[in-house]
N, C-alpha and C. Protein backbone atom coordinates (compact mmCIF):
# COMPACT_ATOMS: atom_id res chain seq x y z
N MET A 1 -4.97 15.30 5.82
CA MET A 1 -4.85 14.31 4.76
C MET A 1 -3.48 13.64 4.79
N LYS A 2 -2.46 14.41 5.10
CA LYS A 2 -1.10 13.87 5.13
C LYS A 2 -1.00 12.72 6.13
N ASN A 3 -1.67 12.84 7.27
CA ASN A 3 -1.63 11.81 8.29
C ASN A 3 -2.15 10.48 7.76
N TYR A 4 -3.24 10.52 6.99
CA TYR A 4 -3.78 9.30 6.40
C TYR A 4 -2.78 8.70 5.42
N ALA A 5 -2.16 9.55 4.62
CA ALA A 5 -1.17 9.07 3.65
C ALA A 5 0.02 8.44 4.35
N GLN A 6 0.46 9.05 5.44
CA GLN A 6 1.58 8.51 6.20
C GLN A 6 1.22 7.17 6.82
N ASN A 7 0.03 7.08 7.42
CA ASN A 7 -0.42 5.82 8.01
C ASN A 7 -0.53 4.73 6.96
N LEU A 8 -1.10 5.06 5.82
CA LEU A 8 -1.25 4.09 4.75
C LEU A 8 0.13 3.60 4.30
N GLY A 9 1.03 4.51 4.04
CA GLY A 9 2.37 4.14 3.58
C GLY A 9 3.10 3.27 4.58
N LYS A 10 3.02 3.66 5.85
CA LYS A 10 3.69 2.89 6.91
C LYS A 10 3.11 1.49 7.00
N ASN A 11 1.79 1.38 6.92
CA ASN A 11 1.13 0.07 7.04
C ASN A 11 1.35 -0.81 5.82
N ILE A 12 1.37 -0.22 4.64
CA ILE A 12 1.65 -1.01 3.43
C ILE A 12 3.06 -1.59 3.53
N ARG A 13 4.00 -0.77 3.93
CA ARG A 13 5.38 -1.25 4.06
C ARG A 13 5.49 -2.36 5.11
N LYS A 14 4.82 -2.15 6.26
CA LYS A 14 4.85 -3.15 7.33
C LYS A 14 4.25 -4.47 6.85
N LEU A 15 3.09 -4.40 6.19
CA LEU A 15 2.44 -5.61 5.69
C LEU A 15 3.27 -6.29 4.61
N ARG A 16 3.89 -5.48 3.77
CA ARG A 16 4.75 -6.04 2.72
C ARG A 16 5.93 -6.79 3.34
N GLU A 17 6.53 -6.20 4.36
CA GLU A 17 7.67 -6.83 5.01
C GLU A 17 7.25 -8.08 5.79
N ILE A 18 6.11 -8.02 6.47
CA ILE A 18 5.61 -9.19 7.20
C ILE A 18 5.40 -10.36 6.24
N ASN A 19 4.94 -10.04 5.04
CA ASN A 19 4.67 -11.07 4.03
C ASN A 19 5.89 -11.37 3.16
N ASN A 20 7.03 -10.82 3.54
CA ASN A 20 8.29 -11.06 2.81
C ASN A 20 8.17 -10.78 1.32
N LEU A 21 7.56 -9.65 0.99
CA LEU A 21 7.39 -9.27 -0.41
C LEU A 21 8.30 -8.08 -0.73
N SER A 22 8.91 -8.14 -1.89
CA SER A 22 9.64 -6.98 -2.39
C SER A 22 8.63 -6.03 -3.03
N ILE A 23 9.09 -4.84 -3.34
CA ILE A 23 8.22 -3.89 -4.05
C ILE A 23 7.77 -4.51 -5.37
N GLU A 24 8.69 -5.15 -6.07
CA GLU A 24 8.36 -5.75 -7.36
C GLU A 24 7.32 -6.86 -7.23
N GLU A 25 7.45 -7.67 -6.19
CA GLU A 25 6.48 -8.75 -5.97
C GLU A 25 5.10 -8.18 -5.62
N LEU A 26 5.08 -7.15 -4.78
CA LEU A 26 3.81 -6.51 -4.45
C LEU A 26 3.20 -5.87 -5.69
N SER A 27 4.03 -5.31 -6.53
CA SER A 27 3.57 -4.72 -7.78
C SER A 27 2.88 -5.77 -8.65
N GLN A 28 3.47 -6.94 -8.74
CA GLN A 28 2.87 -8.01 -9.54
C GLN A 28 1.56 -8.49 -8.94
N LYS A 29 1.50 -8.61 -7.61
CA LYS A 29 0.29 -9.10 -6.95
C LYS A 29 -0.87 -8.11 -7.03
N THR A 30 -0.55 -6.80 -7.01
CA THR A 30 -1.59 -5.78 -6.98
C THR A 30 -1.82 -5.09 -8.32
N SER A 31 -0.95 -5.34 -9.28
CA SER A 31 -1.00 -4.65 -10.58
C SER A 31 -0.84 -3.14 -10.43
N ILE A 32 -0.07 -2.74 -9.43
CA ILE A 32 0.24 -1.32 -9.21
C ILE A 32 1.73 -1.14 -9.50
N ASN A 33 2.05 -0.13 -10.28
CA ASN A 33 3.42 0.15 -10.67
C ASN A 33 4.34 0.25 -9.46
N ALA A 34 5.52 -0.35 -9.54
CA ALA A 34 6.47 -0.38 -8.42
C ALA A 34 6.89 1.03 -7.99
N ASP A 35 7.11 1.92 -8.94
CA ASP A 35 7.48 3.31 -8.58
C ASP A 35 6.36 3.98 -7.79
N PHE A 36 5.12 3.72 -8.20
CA PHE A 36 3.98 4.30 -7.49
C PHE A 36 3.85 3.70 -6.09
N LEU A 37 4.13 2.41 -5.96
CA LEU A 37 4.10 1.77 -4.63
C LEU A 37 5.11 2.44 -3.69
N LEU A 38 6.29 2.73 -4.21
CA LEU A 38 7.29 3.43 -3.39
C LEU A 38 6.78 4.79 -2.94
N LYS A 39 6.11 5.50 -3.85
CA LYS A 39 5.55 6.81 -3.49
C LYS A 39 4.48 6.66 -2.41
N ILE A 40 3.67 5.62 -2.51
CA ILE A 40 2.65 5.39 -1.49
C ILE A 40 3.32 5.13 -0.14
N GLU A 41 4.34 4.26 -0.13
CA GLU A 41 5.03 3.94 1.13
C GLU A 41 5.70 5.17 1.73
N GLN A 42 6.14 6.10 0.90
CA GLN A 42 6.81 7.30 1.37
C GLN A 42 5.84 8.46 1.59
N ALA A 43 4.54 8.21 1.44
CA ALA A 43 3.49 9.22 1.58
C ALA A 43 3.69 10.39 0.61
N LYS A 44 4.17 10.07 -0.59
CA LYS A 44 4.40 11.09 -1.61
C LYS A 44 3.48 10.94 -2.82
N ALA A 45 2.59 9.98 -2.79
CA ALA A 45 1.66 9.77 -3.91
C ALA A 45 0.63 10.90 -3.92
N LYS A 46 0.40 11.46 -5.07
CA LYS A 46 -0.56 12.56 -5.21
C LYS A 46 -2.00 12.08 -5.09
N ARG A 47 -2.29 10.94 -5.72
CA ARG A 47 -3.65 10.40 -5.70
C ARG A 47 -3.59 8.89 -5.49
N ILE A 48 -4.44 8.42 -4.61
CA ILE A 48 -4.58 6.99 -4.41
C ILE A 48 -6.05 6.67 -4.61
N PHE A 49 -6.33 5.77 -5.51
CA PHE A 49 -7.71 5.45 -5.84
C PHE A 49 -8.23 4.29 -4.99
N LEU A 50 -9.52 4.19 -4.91
CA LEU A 50 -10.15 3.12 -4.16
C LEU A 50 -9.73 1.75 -4.71
N SER A 51 -9.50 1.68 -5.99
CA SER A 51 -9.05 0.41 -6.59
C SER A 51 -7.69 -0.01 -6.02
N HIS A 52 -6.82 0.97 -5.72
CA HIS A 52 -5.53 0.65 -5.10
C HIS A 52 -5.75 0.10 -3.69
N ILE A 53 -6.60 0.76 -2.94
CA ILE A 53 -6.90 0.33 -1.57
C ILE A 53 -7.48 -1.08 -1.59
N ASN A 54 -8.39 -1.31 -2.52
CA ASN A 54 -9.00 -2.64 -2.66
C ASN A 54 -7.95 -3.70 -2.99
N SER A 55 -7.01 -3.36 -3.85
CA SER A 55 -5.94 -4.30 -4.20
C SER A 55 -5.09 -4.65 -2.99
N PHE A 56 -4.79 -3.66 -2.16
CA PHE A 56 -4.01 -3.91 -0.95
C PHE A 56 -4.79 -4.79 0.03
N CYS A 57 -6.06 -4.50 0.19
CA CYS A 57 -6.89 -5.30 1.10
C CYS A 57 -6.92 -6.76 0.67
N LYS A 58 -7.11 -6.99 -0.62
CA LYS A 58 -7.15 -8.37 -1.14
C LYS A 58 -5.80 -9.05 -1.00
N CYS A 59 -4.74 -8.34 -1.32
CA CYS A 59 -3.40 -8.93 -1.28
C CYS A 59 -3.01 -9.34 0.13
N PHE A 60 -3.30 -8.46 1.10
CA PHE A 60 -2.89 -8.71 2.48
C PHE A 60 -3.98 -9.32 3.35
N ASN A 61 -5.17 -9.51 2.76
CA ASN A 61 -6.30 -10.06 3.48
C ASN A 61 -6.61 -9.26 4.75
N VAL A 62 -6.73 -7.94 4.57
CA VAL A 62 -7.06 -7.04 5.68
C VAL A 62 -8.22 -6.14 5.25
N GLY A 63 -8.82 -5.50 6.23
CA GLY A 63 -9.87 -4.53 5.94
C GLY A 63 -9.28 -3.14 5.73
N ILE A 64 -10.08 -2.25 5.20
CA ILE A 64 -9.64 -0.88 4.95
C ILE A 64 -9.14 -0.22 6.24
N LYS A 65 -9.83 -0.46 7.32
CA LYS A 65 -9.48 0.15 8.59
C LYS A 65 -8.02 -0.16 8.98
N GLU A 66 -7.61 -1.41 8.76
CA GLU A 66 -6.25 -1.81 9.12
C GLU A 66 -5.18 -1.08 8.31
N LEU A 67 -5.54 -0.65 7.11
CA LEU A 67 -4.56 0.07 6.28
C LEU A 67 -4.32 1.49 6.77
N PHE A 68 -5.29 2.06 7.47
CA PHE A 68 -5.20 3.48 7.85
C PHE A 68 -4.99 3.72 9.34
N GLU A 69 -4.92 2.66 10.13
CA GLU A 69 -4.74 2.85 11.58
C GLU A 69 -3.32 3.24 11.90
């Protein structure tokens, strides 16, 4: 499970940086708390819901697969 969390965190950060978004800007676009976004990027989030994944997919215009590769 940790590997998935690490991949997700790494990819969210990469996509955020490619799109020139700060944590705060991504928080506004996804309606996910900025502190929680940092935990996701650091693979320290205890629970990530499908609604979070869906928000990332919509924000970055990617599929679920791209978030976890």
